[in-house]
C-alpha cells in the first residue's frame, strides 16, 4: 500500500504535514489539501491555542502521549509539520 504524501520519514521518526483550519465548529479531519492532511481545529488561532489543540487532538486520535508529538515547523502558518518521536513511530 502506498504511503500518503502527507506522511514523511525523517531521521527515524515520522512527520505528518498538516493544513490547519482554526476556528471550526469541531476538530476533525476534513480531507487532504496540497499534499497535506487538512484538519479543522475548534480552537481559535490566538496565542498558540489552535496549535496546542491540534497536537492534543492528534495525540488522542493516535492513542499516544502528548509529549510524543512536536510541532517542528509552521507555528504561525496554516501548513504545519508535526513530528512523532522515533519510539512512537516504531
N, C-alpha and C. Protein backbone atom coordinates (compact mmCIF):
# COMPACT_ATOMS: atom_id res chain seq x y z
N UNK A 1 0.84 -1.18 0.00
CA UNK A 1 0.00 0.00 0.00
C UNK A 1 0.88 1.24 0.00
N UNK A 2 0.54 2.21 -0.82
CA UNK A 2 1.32 3.44 -0.92
C UNK A 2 1.07 4.34 0.28
N UNK A 3 2.13 5.00 0.69
CA UNK A 3 2.06 5.93 1.82
C UNK A 3 1.50 7.26 1.33
N UNK A 4 0.59 7.89 2.09
CA UNK A 4 0.07 9.20 1.69
C UNK A 4 1.19 10.23 1.60
N UNK A 5 1.01 11.24 0.77
CA UNK A 5 2.05 12.26 0.59
C UNK A 5 2.24 13.11 1.84
N UNK A 6 1.27 13.14 2.74
CA UNK A 6 1.38 13.97 3.94
C UNK A 6 2.09 13.26 5.08
N UNK A 7 2.54 12.03 4.86
CA UNK A 7 3.34 11.29 5.84
C UNK A 7 4.75 11.16 5.29
N UNK A 8 5.74 11.61 6.07
CA UNK A 8 7.12 11.58 5.61
C UNK A 8 8.01 10.97 6.69
N UNK A 9 9.03 10.23 6.27
CA UNK A 9 10.02 9.71 7.20
C UNK A 9 11.12 10.73 7.37
N UNK A 10 11.62 10.88 8.61
CA UNK A 10 12.68 11.85 8.86
C UNK A 10 13.47 11.42 10.08
N UNK A 11 14.74 11.10 9.90
CA UNK A 11 15.63 10.74 11.00
C UNK A 11 15.06 9.63 11.88
N UNK A 12 14.48 8.63 11.28
CA UNK A 12 13.92 7.51 12.04
C UNK A 12 12.58 7.81 12.69
N UNK A 13 12.04 8.99 12.46
CA UNK A 13 10.75 9.37 13.01
C UNK A 13 9.76 9.56 11.85
N UNK A 14 8.55 9.92 12.18
CA UNK A 14 7.52 10.19 11.18
C UNK A 14 7.08 11.64 11.32
N UNK A 15 6.98 12.33 10.19
CA UNK A 15 6.50 13.71 10.16
C UNK A 15 5.19 13.73 9.39
N UNK A 16 4.18 14.32 9.99
CA UNK A 16 2.87 14.46 9.35
C UNK A 16 2.72 15.92 8.94
N UNK A 17 2.44 16.15 7.66
CA UNK A 17 2.23 17.51 7.15
C UNK A 17 0.73 17.80 7.25
N UNK A 18 0.41 18.89 7.96
CA UNK A 18 -0.99 19.23 8.25
C UNK A 18 -1.31 20.61 7.73
N UNK A 19 -2.48 20.76 7.16
CA UNK A 19 -3.04 22.07 6.81
C UNK A 19 -4.14 22.32 7.84
N UNK A 20 -3.90 23.24 8.77
CA UNK A 20 -4.85 23.51 9.85
C UNK A 20 -5.87 24.55 9.42
N UNK A 21 -7.09 24.36 9.88
CA UNK A 21 -8.18 25.30 9.63
C UNK A 21 -8.76 25.67 11.00
N UNK A 22 -8.18 26.68 11.67
CA UNK A 22 -8.63 27.03 13.02
C UNK A 22 -10.00 27.70 13.03
N UNK A 23 -10.62 27.68 14.21
CA UNK A 23 -11.91 28.35 14.38
C UNK A 23 -13.10 27.55 13.85
N UNK A 24 -12.93 26.26 13.66
CA UNK A 24 -14.01 25.42 13.14
C UNK A 24 -15.01 25.07 14.25
N UNK A 25 -16.18 24.57 13.87
CA UNK A 25 -17.19 24.18 14.86
C UNK A 25 -16.72 23.01 15.71
N UNK A 26 -15.93 22.09 15.10
CA UNK A 26 -15.39 20.96 15.83
C UNK A 26 -14.08 20.54 15.18
N UNK A 27 -13.25 19.84 15.91
CA UNK A 27 -11.98 19.36 15.38
C UNK A 27 -12.20 18.03 14.69
N UNK A 28 -11.77 17.96 13.43
CA UNK A 28 -11.95 16.74 12.63
C UNK A 28 -11.09 16.81 11.38
N UNK A 29 -10.79 15.64 10.83
CA UNK A 29 -10.10 15.58 9.54
C UNK A 29 -11.10 15.95 8.46
N UNK A 30 -10.70 16.86 7.58
CA UNK A 30 -11.58 17.33 6.52
C UNK A 30 -11.24 16.64 5.20
N UNK A 31 -9.97 16.29 5.01
CA UNK A 31 -9.53 15.66 3.77
C UNK A 31 -8.07 15.95 3.55
N UNK A 32 -7.69 16.13 2.30
CA UNK A 32 -6.31 16.50 2.00
C UNK A 32 -6.31 17.79 1.22
N UNK A 33 -5.18 18.50 1.29
CA UNK A 33 -5.08 19.80 0.63
C UNK A 33 -3.61 20.04 0.27
N UNK A 34 -3.29 19.99 -1.00
CA UNK A 34 -1.94 20.30 -1.45
C UNK A 34 -0.85 19.46 -0.81
N UNK A 35 -1.07 18.17 -0.70
CA UNK A 35 -0.07 17.28 -0.12
C UNK A 35 -0.04 17.29 1.39
N UNK A 36 -1.07 17.85 2.02
CA UNK A 36 -1.15 17.89 3.48
C UNK A 36 -2.49 17.32 3.93
N UNK A 37 -2.52 16.80 5.16
CA UNK A 37 -3.75 16.33 5.77
C UNK A 37 -4.47 17.56 6.32
N UNK A 38 -5.66 17.84 5.83
CA UNK A 38 -6.39 19.03 6.26
C UNK A 38 -7.23 18.69 7.49
N UNK A 39 -7.00 19.44 8.58
CA UNK A 39 -7.71 19.21 9.83
C UNK A 39 -8.35 20.52 10.28
N UNK A 40 -9.66 20.49 10.49
CA UNK A 40 -10.38 21.62 11.06
C UNK A 40 -10.15 21.57 12.57
N UNK A 41 -9.78 22.71 13.16
CA UNK A 41 -9.47 22.78 14.58
C UNK A 41 -10.46 23.72 15.25
N UNK A 42 -11.07 23.26 16.34
CA UNK A 42 -12.08 24.04 17.04
C UNK A 42 -11.51 25.32 17.67
N UNK A 43 -10.30 25.28 18.15
CA UNK A 43 -9.71 26.42 18.87
C UNK A 43 -9.39 27.58 17.92
N UNK A 44 -9.40 28.81 18.46
CA UNK A 44 -9.06 29.97 17.64
C UNK A 44 -7.54 30.08 17.44
N UNK A 45 -7.12 30.76 16.37
CA UNK A 45 -5.69 30.91 16.10
C UNK A 45 -5.07 32.06 16.91
N UNK A 46 -5.19 31.98 18.23
CA UNK A 46 -4.71 33.04 19.12
C UNK A 46 -3.79 32.45 20.17
N UNK A 47 -2.63 33.05 20.35
CA UNK A 47 -1.69 32.65 21.41
C UNK A 47 -1.35 31.16 21.39
N UNK A 48 -1.29 30.55 20.22
CA UNK A 48 -0.91 29.14 20.11
C UNK A 48 -1.99 28.16 20.53
N UNK A 49 -3.21 28.64 20.79
CA UNK A 49 -4.29 27.76 21.23
C UNK A 49 -4.65 26.71 20.18
N UNK A 50 -4.70 27.12 18.91
CA UNK A 50 -5.04 26.17 17.85
C UNK A 50 -3.95 25.12 17.69
N UNK A 51 -2.68 25.53 17.80
CA UNK A 51 -1.58 24.56 17.70
C UNK A 51 -1.67 23.52 18.80
N UNK A 52 -1.87 23.98 20.02
CA UNK A 52 -1.94 23.05 21.16
C UNK A 52 -3.15 22.14 21.04
N UNK A 53 -4.28 22.69 20.63
CA UNK A 53 -5.49 21.87 20.45
C UNK A 53 -5.27 20.83 19.36
N UNK A 54 -4.61 21.21 18.28
CA UNK A 54 -4.33 20.29 17.18
C UNK A 54 -3.44 19.13 17.66
N UNK A 55 -2.39 19.44 18.39
CA UNK A 55 -1.47 18.41 18.86
C UNK A 55 -2.15 17.49 19.87
N UNK A 56 -2.92 18.05 20.79
CA UNK A 56 -3.64 17.22 21.75
C UNK A 56 -4.64 16.31 21.04
N UNK A 57 -5.33 16.83 20.06
CA UNK A 57 -6.31 16.04 19.32
C UNK A 57 -5.63 14.91 18.55
N UNK A 58 -4.52 15.23 17.87
CA UNK A 58 -3.79 14.20 17.14
C UNK A 58 -3.30 13.10 18.09
N UNK A 59 -2.78 13.49 19.24
CA UNK A 59 -2.30 12.51 20.22
C UNK A 59 -3.44 11.59 20.65
N UNK A 60 -4.61 12.18 20.90
CA UNK A 60 -5.74 11.35 21.33
C UNK A 60 -6.21 10.43 20.21
N UNK A 61 -6.22 10.91 18.97
CA UNK A 61 -6.65 10.08 17.84
C UNK A 61 -5.67 8.95 17.55
N UNK A 62 -4.38 9.20 17.80
CA UNK A 62 -3.36 8.18 17.55
C UNK A 62 -3.10 7.32 18.79
N UNK A 63 -3.77 7.64 19.90
CA UNK A 63 -3.63 6.91 21.16
C UNK A 63 -2.17 6.87 21.63
N UNK A 64 -1.53 8.05 21.57
CA UNK A 64 -0.16 8.19 22.05
C UNK A 64 -0.08 9.37 23.01
N UNK A 65 1.00 9.44 23.75
CA UNK A 65 1.18 10.53 24.72
C UNK A 65 1.39 11.85 24.00
N UNK A 66 0.88 12.92 24.57
CA UNK A 66 1.02 14.26 24.01
C UNK A 66 2.49 14.62 23.80
N UNK A 67 3.36 14.22 24.72
CA UNK A 67 4.77 14.59 24.60
C UNK A 67 5.51 13.78 23.54
N UNK A 68 4.83 12.89 22.84
CA UNK A 68 5.42 12.15 21.72
C UNK A 68 5.31 12.93 20.42
N UNK A 69 4.59 14.05 20.44
CA UNK A 69 4.39 14.88 19.25
C UNK A 69 5.06 16.24 19.44
N UNK A 70 5.71 16.72 18.38
CA UNK A 70 6.35 18.04 18.41
C UNK A 70 5.98 18.80 17.15
N UNK A 71 5.63 20.06 17.31
CA UNK A 71 5.39 20.94 16.17
C UNK A 71 6.75 21.46 15.73
N UNK A 72 7.25 20.97 14.61
CA UNK A 72 8.60 21.32 14.18
C UNK A 72 8.64 22.46 13.16
N UNK A 73 7.54 22.72 12.50
CA UNK A 73 7.50 23.81 11.53
C UNK A 73 6.07 24.31 11.38
N UNK A 74 5.91 25.62 11.25
CA UNK A 74 4.61 26.20 10.97
C UNK A 74 3.88 26.72 12.19
N UNK A 75 4.60 27.20 13.19
CA UNK A 75 3.96 27.70 14.40
C UNK A 75 2.94 28.80 14.11
N UNK A 76 3.19 29.65 13.12
CA UNK A 76 2.26 30.74 12.80
C UNK A 76 1.63 30.59 11.42
N UNK A 77 1.80 29.43 10.82
CA UNK A 77 1.27 29.18 9.49
C UNK A 77 0.17 28.13 9.55
N UNK A 78 -0.67 28.08 8.54
CA UNK A 78 -1.68 27.02 8.48
C UNK A 78 -1.04 25.68 8.12
N UNK A 79 0.05 25.72 7.37
CA UNK A 79 0.75 24.50 6.99
C UNK A 79 1.78 24.18 8.07
N UNK A 80 1.66 22.99 8.64
CA UNK A 80 2.49 22.60 9.78
C UNK A 80 3.13 21.25 9.54
N UNK A 81 4.23 21.02 10.23
CA UNK A 81 4.86 19.70 10.24
C UNK A 81 4.92 19.25 11.69
N UNK A 82 4.31 18.10 11.95
CA UNK A 82 4.26 17.55 13.31
C UNK A 82 5.03 16.25 13.31
N UNK A 83 6.00 16.18 14.21
CA UNK A 83 6.91 15.02 14.27
C UNK A 83 6.48 14.08 15.39
N UNK A 84 6.34 12.80 15.03
CA UNK A 84 6.11 11.76 16.02
C UNK A 84 7.47 11.23 16.42
N UNK A 85 7.73 11.10 17.69
CA UNK A 85 9.05 10.66 18.17
C UNK A 85 9.41 9.30 17.58
N UNK A 86 10.70 9.03 17.51
CA UNK A 86 11.18 7.79 16.91
C UNK A 86 10.63 6.56 17.63
N UNK A 87 10.51 6.62 18.95
CA UNK A 87 9.98 5.48 19.72
C UNK A 87 8.52 5.23 19.35
N UNK A 88 7.76 6.31 19.17
CA UNK A 88 6.34 6.18 18.81
C UNK A 88 6.20 5.67 17.39
N UNK A 89 7.04 6.19 16.49
CA UNK A 89 6.96 5.81 15.08
C UNK A 89 7.24 4.33 14.87
N UNK A 90 8.12 3.77 15.73
CA UNK A 90 8.44 2.35 15.61
C UNK A 90 7.24 1.51 15.94
